[in-house]
């Protein structure tokens, strides 16, 4: 695994936050998928880590997805691609996603993260 993280802060959820993932492309082929519930473990302006019981076999496929997250009041849809997958105990898989956010999305995320930090629902790493 190679990390390309350059942002100074990653925000870790004190309790995993329920969210949803929608698969948009597998190996450059557009697909239609239903929303699958996953849990958000941490997030930054350029990526996030989620966990799920789903085995997406991301190590052998290029997967583009959208993560649907309700951080505070508003539902956000963050597009990105799965960069890595790891299996943990009880067949739980962690996924690292590189988010493809516009400047407007980044600013919105920044505001939401500040609100979560003020309410002590996240930890700044």
C-alpha atoms as a PDB file:
ATOM      1  CA  UNK A   1       0.000   0.000   0.000  1.00  0.00           C
ATOM      2  CA  UNK A   2       1.305   3.410  -0.945  1.00  0.00           C
ATOM      3  CA  UNK A   3      -0.197   6.481   0.650  1.00  0.00           C
ATOM      4  CA  UNK A   4      -0.377   9.761  -1.192  1.00  0.00           C
ATOM      5  CA  UNK A   5      -1.979  11.739   1.596  1.00  0.00           C
ATOM      6  CA  UNK A   6      -0.725  15.298   1.730  1.00  0.00           C
ATOM      7  CA  UNK A   7      -3.372  17.016   3.836  1.00  0.00           C
ATOM      8  CA  UNK A   8      -2.371  17.765   7.416  1.00  0.00           C
ATOM      9  CA  UNK A   9      -5.557  16.567   9.128  1.00  0.00           C
ATOM     10  CA  UNK A  10      -7.602  13.413   9.108  1.00  0.00           C
ATOM     11  CA  UNK A  11     -10.758  13.350  11.214  1.00  0.00           C
ATOM     12  CA  UNK A  12     -11.597  10.086  12.954  1.00  0.00           C
ATOM     13  CA  UNK A  13     -15.137   9.322  14.052  1.00  0.00           C
ATOM     14  CA  UNK A  14     -15.438   8.570  17.775  1.00  0.00           C
ATOM     15  CA  UNK A  15     -18.184   6.121  16.795  1.00  0.00           C
ATOM     16  CA  UNK A  16     -18.359   4.786  13.222  1.00  0.00           C
ATOM     17  CA  UNK A  17     -20.917   6.834  11.304  1.00  0.00           C
ATOM     18  CA  UNK A  18     -23.484   4.950   9.198  1.00  0.00           C
ATOM     19  CA  UNK A  19     -23.356   6.014   5.549  1.00  0.00           C
ATOM     20  CA  UNK A  20     -23.918   4.450   2.125  1.00  0.00           C
ATOM     21  CA  UNK A  21     -21.814   3.587  -0.881  1.00  0.00           C
ATOM     22  CA  UNK A  22     -22.990   3.502  -4.487  1.00  0.00           C
ATOM     23  CA  UNK A  23     -20.765   1.736  -7.025  1.00  0.00           C
ATOM     24  CA  UNK A  24     -20.651   3.698 -10.307  1.00  0.00           C
ATOM     25  CA  UNK A  25     -17.922   1.969 -12.329  1.00  0.00           C
ATOM     26  CA  UNK A  26     -15.996  -1.284 -12.213  1.00  0.00           C
ATOM     27  CA  UNK A  27     -12.956  -1.488 -14.497  1.00  0.00           C
ATOM     28  CA  UNK A  28     -14.182   1.538 -16.504  1.00  0.00           C
ATOM     29  CA  UNK A  29     -17.593  -0.063 -17.111  1.00  0.00           C
ATOM     30  CA  UNK A  30     -20.555   1.940 -15.842  1.00  0.00           C
ATOM     31  CA  UNK A  31     -22.767  -0.032 -13.472  1.00  0.00           C
ATOM     32  CA  UNK A  32     -25.987   0.684 -11.623  1.00  0.00           C
ATOM     33  CA  UNK A  33     -25.976  -0.342  -8.002  1.00  0.00           C
ATOM     34  CA  UNK A  34     -28.227   0.029  -5.027  1.00  0.00           C
ATOM     35  CA  UNK A  35     -26.992   1.911  -2.007  1.00  0.00           C
ATOM     36  CA  UNK A  36     -25.163  -0.392   0.403  1.00  0.00           C
ATOM     37  CA  UNK A  37     -24.824   0.603   4.037  1.00  0.00           C
ATOM     38  CA  UNK A  38     -21.241   1.021   5.246  1.00  0.00           C
ATOM     39  CA  UNK A  39     -19.630   2.822   8.172  1.00  0.00           C
ATOM     40  CA  UNK A  40     -17.401   5.882   7.962  1.00  0.00           C
ATOM     41  CA  UNK A  41     -14.277   5.511  10.116  1.00  0.00           C
ATOM     42  CA  UNK A  42     -12.345   8.638   9.156  1.00  0.00           C
ATOM     43  CA  UNK A  43     -12.357  11.398   6.574  1.00  0.00           C
ATOM     44  CA  UNK A  44     -10.271  14.253   5.207  1.00  0.00           C
ATOM     45  CA  UNK A  45     -10.670  16.684   2.324  1.00  0.00           C
ATOM     46  CA  UNK A  46      -9.036  14.197  -0.027  1.00  0.00           C
ATOM     47  CA  UNK A  47     -10.118  10.777   1.204  1.00  0.00           C
ATOM     48  CA  UNK A  48     -11.964   8.603   3.665  1.00  0.00           C
ATOM     49  CA  UNK A  49     -11.904   5.139   5.209  1.00  0.00           C
ATOM     50  CA  UNK A  50     -15.032   3.033   5.448  1.00  0.00           C
ATOM     51  CA  UNK A  51     -15.797  -0.470   6.681  1.00  0.00           C
ATOM     52  CA  UNK A  52     -18.300  -3.058   5.526  1.00  0.00           C
ATOM     53  CA  UNK A  53     -19.029  -6.764   5.434  1.00  0.00           C
ATOM     54  CA  UNK A  54     -19.057  -6.461   1.619  1.00  0.00           C
ATOM     55  CA  UNK A  55     -16.049  -7.896  -0.194  1.00  0.00           C
ATOM     56  CA  UNK A  56     -15.731  -5.685  -3.256  1.00  0.00           C
ATOM     57  CA  UNK A  57     -12.449  -7.309  -4.374  1.00  0.00           C
ATOM     58  CA  UNK A  58     -10.960  -3.861  -4.836  1.00  0.00           C
ATOM     59  CA  UNK A  59      -7.442  -5.269  -5.075  1.00  0.00           C
ATOM     60  CA  UNK A  60      -8.287  -6.834  -8.448  1.00  0.00           C
ATOM     61  CA  UNK A  61     -10.775  -4.247  -9.771  1.00  0.00           C
ATOM     62  CA  UNK A  62     -10.777  -0.503 -10.339  1.00  0.00           C
ATOM     63  CA  UNK A  63     -13.886   0.744  -8.564  1.00  0.00           C
ATOM     64  CA  UNK A  64     -15.346   4.240  -8.734  1.00  0.00           C
ATOM     65  CA  UNK A  65     -18.037   4.977  -6.197  1.00  0.00           C
ATOM     66  CA  UNK A  66     -20.020   7.701  -4.479  1.00  0.00           C
ATOM     67  CA  UNK A  67     -20.187   7.830  -0.701  1.00  0.00           C
ATOM     68  CA  UNK A  68     -23.442   9.251   0.686  1.00  0.00           C
ATOM     69  CA  UNK A  69     -22.795  10.771   4.122  1.00  0.00           C
ATOM     70  CA  UNK A  70     -24.991  12.684   6.544  1.00  0.00           C
ATOM     71  CA  UNK A  71     -22.406  14.389   8.752  1.00  0.00           C
ATOM     72  CA  UNK A  72     -24.757  16.844  10.486  1.00  0.00           C
ATOM     73  CA  UNK A  73     -27.993  17.950   8.850  1.00  0.00           C
ATOM     74  CA  UNK A  74     -27.291  17.727   5.126  1.00  0.00           C
ATOM     75  CA  UNK A  75     -26.728  14.607   3.043  1.00  0.00           C
ATOM     76  CA  UNK A  76     -23.505  14.863   1.028  1.00  0.00           C
ATOM     77  CA  UNK A  77     -22.539  12.795  -2.007  1.00  0.00           C
ATOM     78  CA  UNK A  78     -18.781  12.505  -2.391  1.00  0.00           C
ATOM     79  CA  UNK A  79     -17.462  10.822  -5.570  1.00  0.00           C
ATOM     80  CA  UNK A  80     -14.190   8.935  -5.503  1.00  0.00           C
ATOM     81  CA  UNK A  81     -12.359   5.709  -6.176  1.00  0.00           C
ATOM     82  CA  UNK A  82     -11.376   2.818  -3.952  1.00  0.00           C
ATOM     83  CA  UNK A  83      -7.587   2.743  -3.563  1.00  0.00           C
ATOM     84  CA  UNK A  84      -7.123  -0.154  -1.140  1.00  0.00           C
ATOM     85  CA  UNK A  85      -8.954  -2.912   0.729  1.00  0.00           C
ATOM     86  CA  UNK A  86      -7.986  -4.814   3.884  1.00  0.00           C
ATOM     87  CA  UNK A  87      -9.771  -7.656   5.634  1.00  0.00           C
ATOM     88  CA  UNK A  88     -10.075  -7.609   9.411  1.00  0.00           C
ATOM     89  CA  UNK A  89     -11.567 -10.095  11.859  1.00  0.00           C
ATOM     90  CA  UNK A  90     -15.123 -11.370  11.374  1.00  0.00           C
ATOM     91  CA  UNK A  91     -14.925 -10.729   7.613  1.00  0.00           C
ATOM     92  CA  UNK A  92     -15.075  -6.956   7.996  1.00  0.00           C
ATOM     93  CA  UNK A  93     -13.361  -5.080   5.189  1.00  0.00           C
ATOM     94  CA  UNK A  94     -11.823  -1.620   5.405  1.00  0.00           C
ATOM     95  CA  UNK A  95     -11.610   0.475   2.243  1.00  0.00           C
ATOM     96  CA  UNK A  96      -9.582   3.590   1.528  1.00  0.00           C
ATOM     97  CA  UNK A  97     -11.191   5.966  -0.927  1.00  0.00           C
ATOM     98  CA  UNK A  98      -9.561   8.838  -2.756  1.00  0.00           C
ATOM     99  CA  UNK A  99     -12.276  11.489  -3.001  1.00  0.00           C
ATOM    100  CA  UNK A 100     -12.678  13.606  -6.124  1.00  0.00           C
ATOM    101  CA  UNK A 101     -14.148  16.776  -4.626  1.00  0.00           C
ATOM    102  CA  UNK A 102     -14.748  20.171  -6.160  1.00  0.00           C
ATOM    103  CA  UNK A 103     -13.572  23.255  -4.258  1.00  0.00           C
ATOM    104  CA  UNK A 104     -17.198  23.870  -3.247  1.00  0.00           C
ATOM    105  CA  UNK A 105     -17.513  20.304  -1.884  1.00  0.00           C
ATOM    106  CA  UNK A 106     -14.235  20.693   0.037  1.00  0.00           C
ATOM    107  CA  UNK A 107     -15.438  23.914   1.646  1.00  0.00           C
ATOM    108  CA  UNK A 108     -18.776  22.329   2.578  1.00  0.00           C
ATOM    109  CA  UNK A 109     -16.958  19.328   4.064  1.00  0.00           C
ATOM    110  CA  UNK A 110     -14.642  21.650   5.994  1.00  0.00           C
ATOM    111  CA  UNK A 111     -17.624  23.434   7.575  1.00  0.00           C
ATOM    112  CA  UNK A 112     -19.268  20.118   8.494  1.00  0.00           C
ATOM    113  CA  UNK A 113     -16.045  18.810  10.053  1.00  0.00           C
ATOM    114  CA  UNK A 114     -15.622  21.943  12.162  1.00  0.00           C
ATOM    115  CA  UNK A 115     -19.167  21.489  13.501  1.00  0.00           C
ATOM    116  CA  UNK A 116     -18.439  17.827  14.321  1.00  0.00           C
ATOM    117  CA  UNK A 117     -15.172  18.793  16.034  1.00  0.00           C
ATOM    118  CA  UNK A 118     -16.941  21.455  18.115  1.00  0.00           C
ATOM    119  CA  UNK A 119     -19.513  18.877  19.251  1.00  0.00           C
ATOM    120  CA  UNK A 120     -16.657  16.444  20.005  1.00  0.00           C
ATOM    121  CA  UNK A 121     -18.040  13.746  17.684  1.00  0.00           C
ATOM    122  CA  UNK A 122     -14.708  13.446  15.835  1.00  0.00           C
ATOM    123  CA  UNK A 123     -11.042  13.395  16.773  1.00  0.00           C
ATOM    124  CA  UNK A 124      -8.460  15.299  14.760  1.00  0.00           C
ATOM    125  CA  UNK A 125      -5.478  13.083  13.910  1.00  0.00           C
END
